[in-house]
Amino acid sequence: MRHFEAKICGEKLILQNKSGKTLFIREILIKYRVTVTTVDEKTALRTVTDSIKVDKDIQDKLEIQLASTDIAEISVIYREGDVTLREDISL
């Protein structure tokens, strides 16, 4: 069962806690897709990762301002009880 659901609303990421319990979110990794020009003048797609420290208990939802809306994947690193877990969400 997934604990989180993510959606993009304008220039914000809305992360919803679907577990029904309060979870401590340590960090969120946001992987952006960017287009770059290579040395030989070709266009390539790269992934850039932004790490956002949260360190909060979340019961309902969390809103995060985005640098770009072209997101490949989000990873939520959270604690449930005494265990630290990671949930990857593709968008």
N, C-alpha and C. Protein backbone atom coordinates (compact mmCIF):
# COMPACT_ATOMS: atom_id res chain seq x y z
N MET A 1 0.83 -1.19 0.00
CA MET A 1 0.00 0.00 0.00
C MET A 1 0.88 1.25 0.00
N ARG A 2 0.53 2.18 -0.84
CA ARG A 2 1.25 3.45 -0.91
C ARG A 2 0.80 4.36 0.24
N HIS A 3 1.78 5.05 0.82
CA HIS A 3 1.48 5.98 1.91
C HIS A 3 1.24 7.40 1.41
N PHE A 4 1.74 7.71 0.19
CA PHE A 4 1.67 9.08 -0.30
C PHE A 4 1.12 9.13 -1.72
N GLU A 5 0.51 10.28 -2.02
CA GLU A 5 0.05 10.58 -3.37
C GLU A 5 0.55 11.99 -3.67
N ALA A 6 1.08 12.18 -4.89
CA ALA A 6 1.63 13.49 -5.26
C ALA A 6 0.95 14.00 -6.51
N LYS A 7 0.73 15.31 -6.54
CA LYS A 7 0.21 15.95 -7.74
C LYS A 7 0.78 17.35 -7.83
N ILE A 8 0.82 17.85 -9.07
CA ILE A 8 1.33 19.19 -9.32
C ILE A 8 0.13 20.10 -9.53
N CYS A 9 0.10 21.19 -8.78
CA CYS A 9 -0.97 22.17 -8.89
C CYS A 9 -0.32 23.53 -9.10
N GLY A 10 -0.32 24.00 -10.35
CA GLY A 10 0.38 25.24 -10.67
C GLY A 10 1.87 25.03 -10.54
N GLU A 11 2.52 25.82 -9.70
CA GLU A 11 3.96 25.67 -9.47
C GLU A 11 4.24 25.08 -8.10
N LYS A 12 3.29 24.33 -7.57
CA LYS A 12 3.46 23.68 -6.27
C LYS A 12 3.26 22.18 -6.40
N LEU A 13 4.00 21.47 -5.57
CA LEU A 13 3.83 20.03 -5.43
C LEU A 13 2.98 19.81 -4.19
N ILE A 14 1.91 19.06 -4.34
CA ILE A 14 1.06 18.74 -3.19
C ILE A 14 1.26 17.26 -2.89
N LEU A 15 1.79 16.99 -1.71
CA LEU A 15 2.06 15.63 -1.26
C LEU A 15 1.03 15.29 -0.19
N GLN A 16 0.20 14.29 -0.46
CA GLN A 16 -0.86 13.91 0.47
C GLN A 16 -0.50 12.61 1.18
N ASN A 17 -0.68 12.61 2.48
CA ASN A 17 -0.47 11.43 3.30
C ASN A 17 -1.75 10.60 3.25
N LYS A 18 -1.68 9.42 2.64
CA LYS A 18 -2.85 8.54 2.49
C LYS A 18 -2.87 7.39 3.50
N SER A 19 -1.92 7.38 4.43
CA SER A 19 -1.78 6.25 5.36
C SER A 19 -2.81 6.26 6.49
N GLY A 20 -3.38 7.43 6.77
CA GLY A 20 -4.31 7.51 7.90
C GLY A 20 -3.62 7.74 9.23
N LYS A 21 -2.27 7.78 9.23
CA LYS A 21 -1.53 8.04 10.46
C LYS A 21 -0.56 9.21 10.23
N THR A 22 -0.11 9.79 11.29
CA THR A 22 0.88 10.86 11.20
C THR A 22 2.24 10.24 10.90
N LEU A 23 2.91 10.73 9.85
CA LEU A 23 4.22 10.23 9.47
C LEU A 23 5.23 11.37 9.53
N PHE A 24 6.44 11.05 9.96
CA PHE A 24 7.52 12.04 10.03
C PHE A 24 8.28 12.01 8.71
N ILE A 25 8.20 13.10 7.96
CA ILE A 25 8.92 13.19 6.69
C ILE A 25 10.28 13.82 6.93
N ARG A 26 11.32 13.08 6.58
CA ARG A 26 12.68 13.57 6.75
C ARG A 26 13.11 14.45 5.58
N GLU A 27 12.85 13.95 4.35
CA GLU A 27 13.39 14.62 3.18
C GLU A 27 12.56 14.24 1.95
N ILE A 28 12.53 15.13 0.98
CA ILE A 28 11.88 14.85 -0.30
C ILE A 28 12.91 15.10 -1.40
N LEU A 29 13.06 14.13 -2.29
CA LEU A 29 13.95 14.26 -3.43
C LEU A 29 13.08 14.47 -4.67
N ILE A 30 13.30 15.56 -5.38
CA ILE A 30 12.53 15.86 -6.58
C ILE A 30 13.49 15.77 -7.77
N LYS A 31 13.15 14.90 -8.72
CA LYS A 31 13.98 14.72 -9.91
C LYS A 31 13.33 15.45 -11.08
N TYR A 32 14.01 16.50 -11.54
CA TYR A 32 13.52 17.31 -12.66
C TYR A 32 14.14 16.83 -13.97
N ARG A 33 13.38 16.90 -15.05
CA ARG A 33 13.90 16.64 -16.40
C ARG A 33 14.31 17.97 -17.01
N VAL A 34 15.56 18.06 -17.47
CA VAL A 34 16.03 19.29 -18.11
C VAL A 34 16.65 18.95 -19.46
N THR A 35 16.52 19.87 -20.40
CA THR A 35 17.12 19.71 -21.72
C THR A 35 18.43 20.48 -21.74
N VAL A 36 19.48 19.82 -22.18
CA VAL A 36 20.80 20.45 -22.23
C VAL A 36 21.39 20.31 -23.62
N THR A 37 22.35 21.17 -23.92
CA THR A 37 23.11 21.07 -25.17
C THR A 37 24.46 20.45 -24.84
N THR A 38 24.78 19.37 -25.54
CA THR A 38 26.03 18.67 -25.28
C THR A 38 27.20 19.38 -25.96
N VAL A 39 28.41 18.90 -25.72
CA VAL A 39 29.62 19.48 -26.27
C VAL A 39 29.59 19.45 -27.80
N ASP A 40 29.01 18.40 -28.37
CA ASP A 40 28.95 18.29 -29.83
C ASP A 40 27.68 18.90 -30.42
N GLU A 41 27.08 19.86 -29.67
CA GLU A 41 25.93 20.66 -30.14
C GLU A 41 24.63 19.87 -30.31
N LYS A 42 24.50 18.75 -29.64
CA LYS A 42 23.27 17.97 -29.70
C LYS A 42 22.44 18.27 -28.46
N THR A 43 21.15 18.02 -28.57
CA THR A 43 20.25 18.22 -27.44
C THR A 43 20.06 16.88 -26.72
N ALA A 44 20.14 16.92 -25.39
CA ALA A 44 19.99 15.71 -24.59
C ALA A 44 19.09 16.00 -23.40
N LEU A 45 18.48 14.96 -22.88
CA LEU A 45 17.62 15.06 -21.70
C LEU A 45 18.39 14.56 -20.49
N ARG A 46 18.46 15.35 -19.46
CA ARG A 46 19.16 14.99 -18.23
C ARG A 46 18.20 15.09 -17.05
N THR A 47 18.58 14.45 -15.96
CA THR A 47 17.80 14.52 -14.74
C THR A 47 18.61 15.22 -13.66
N VAL A 48 18.00 16.21 -13.03
CA VAL A 48 18.63 16.95 -11.94
C VAL A 48 17.81 16.70 -10.68
N THR A 49 18.49 16.37 -9.58
CA THR A 49 17.79 16.06 -8.34
C THR A 49 17.94 17.19 -7.33
N ASP A 50 16.80 17.59 -6.76
CA ASP A 50 16.77 18.62 -5.73
C ASP A 50 16.38 17.94 -4.42
N SER A 51 17.16 18.16 -3.38
CA SER A 51 16.90 17.56 -2.08
C SER A 51 16.32 18.63 -1.14
N ILE A 52 15.15 18.35 -0.58
CA ILE A 52 14.49 19.30 0.31
C ILE A 52 14.31 18.65 1.68
N LYS A 53 14.97 19.22 2.69
CA LYS A 53 14.81 18.73 4.07
C LYS A 53 13.48 19.22 4.60
N VAL A 54 12.71 18.31 5.18
CA VAL A 54 11.40 18.68 5.72
C VAL A 54 11.41 18.57 7.24
N ASP A 55 11.76 17.41 7.78
CA ASP A 55 11.83 17.15 9.22
C ASP A 55 10.59 17.59 9.97
N LYS A 56 9.41 17.10 9.50
CA LYS A 56 8.13 17.44 10.13
C LYS A 56 7.21 16.23 10.16
N ASP A 57 6.32 16.25 11.15
CA ASP A 57 5.23 15.27 11.17
C ASP A 57 4.14 15.78 10.23
N ILE A 58 3.66 14.90 9.35
CA ILE A 58 2.61 15.26 8.41
C ILE A 58 1.43 14.32 8.62
N GLN A 59 0.27 14.92 8.82
CA GLN A 59 -0.93 14.12 9.00
C GLN A 59 -1.79 14.13 7.74
N ASP A 60 -1.88 15.28 7.07
CA ASP A 60 -2.76 15.42 5.92
C ASP A 60 -1.99 15.65 4.63
N LYS A 61 -1.48 16.88 4.43
CA LYS A 61 -0.76 17.19 3.19
C LYS A 61 0.35 18.21 3.42
N LEU A 62 1.23 18.28 2.43
CA LEU A 62 2.37 19.18 2.47
C LEU A 62 2.48 19.82 1.09
N GLU A 63 2.66 21.15 1.05
CA GLU A 63 2.83 21.87 -0.21
C GLU A 63 4.26 22.36 -0.32
N ILE A 64 4.86 22.15 -1.50
CA ILE A 64 6.25 22.54 -1.74
C ILE A 64 6.32 23.34 -3.02
N GLN A 65 7.01 24.47 -2.98
CA GLN A 65 7.21 25.30 -4.16
C GLN A 65 8.20 24.59 -5.09
N LEU A 66 7.90 24.55 -6.39
CA LEU A 66 8.74 23.87 -7.36
C LEU A 66 9.59 24.85 -8.16
N ALA A 67 10.76 24.39 -8.59
CA ALA A 67 11.62 25.18 -9.47
C ALA A 67 11.15 25.05 -10.91
N SER A 68 10.54 23.92 -11.25
CA SER A 68 10.02 23.64 -12.59
C SER A 68 8.92 22.60 -12.43
N THR A 69 8.00 22.58 -13.39
CA THR A 69 6.91 21.59 -13.30
C THR A 69 7.21 20.34 -14.13
N ASP A 70 8.38 20.26 -14.74
CA ASP A 70 8.76 19.09 -15.53
C ASP A 70 9.46 18.08 -14.62
N ILE A 71 8.67 17.35 -13.84
CA ILE A 71 9.18 16.42 -12.84
C ILE A 71 9.12 14.99 -13.35
N ALA A 72 10.21 14.26 -13.16
CA ALA A 72 10.26 12.86 -13.56
C ALA A 72 9.80 11.95 -12.41
N GLU A 73 10.27 12.24 -11.21
CA GLU A 73 9.99 11.35 -10.07
C GLU A 73 10.17 12.10 -8.76
N ILE A 74 9.47 11.63 -7.75
CA ILE A 74 9.59 12.18 -6.40
C ILE A 74 9.88 11.03 -5.46
N SER A 75 10.82 11.21 -4.56
CA SER A 75 11.11 10.21 -3.53
C SER A 75 10.86 10.85 -2.17
N VAL A 76 10.05 10.18 -1.37
CA VAL A 76 9.73 10.66 -0.03
C VAL A 76 10.46 9.76 0.96
N ILE A 77 11.32 10.35 1.77
CA ILE A 77 12.02 9.60 2.81
C ILE A 77 11.35 9.95 4.13
N TYR A 78 10.78 8.94 4.77
CA TYR A 78 9.96 9.17 5.96
C TYR A 78 10.21 8.10 7.01
N ARG A 79 9.74 8.40 8.21
CA ARG A 79 9.88 7.46 9.32
C ARG A 79 8.49 6.99 9.73
N GLU A 80 8.39 5.68 9.89
CA GLU A 80 7.16 5.07 10.40
C GLU A 80 7.56 4.22 11.60
N GLY A 81 7.22 4.68 12.78
CA GLY A 81 7.69 4.01 13.99
C GLY A 81 9.18 4.25 14.14
N ASP A 82 9.96 3.16 14.25
CA ASP A 82 11.41 3.26 14.38
C ASP A 82 12.14 2.99 13.06
N VAL A 83 11.39 2.82 11.99
CA VAL A 83 11.97 2.44 10.70
C VAL A 83 11.91 3.62 9.72
N THR A 84 13.04 3.88 9.03
CA THR A 84 13.07 4.90 7.98
C THR A 84 12.84 4.21 6.65
N LEU A 85 11.90 4.74 5.87
CA LEU A 85 11.50 4.14 4.60
C LEU A 85 11.58 5.18 3.49
N ARG A 86 11.52 4.67 2.25
CA ARG A 86 11.54 5.55 1.08
C ARG A 86 10.45 5.08 0.12
N GLU A 87 9.67 6.04 -0.34
CA GLU A 87 8.63 5.73 -1.33
C GLU A 87 8.87 6.59 -2.57
N ASP A 88 8.98 5.93 -3.72
CA ASP A 88 9.20 6.61 -5.00
C ASP A 88 7.87 6.76 -5.71
N ILE A 89 7.63 7.96 -6.25
CA ILE A 89 6.38 8.26 -6.95
C ILE A 89 6.75 8.82 -8.32
N SER A 90 6.31 8.15 -9.38
CA SER A 90 6.53 8.65 -10.74
C SER A 90 5.37 9.54 -11.14
N LEU A 91 5.68 10.64 -11.81
CA LEU A 91 4.64 11.54 -12.28
C LEU A 91 4.62 11.58 -13.78
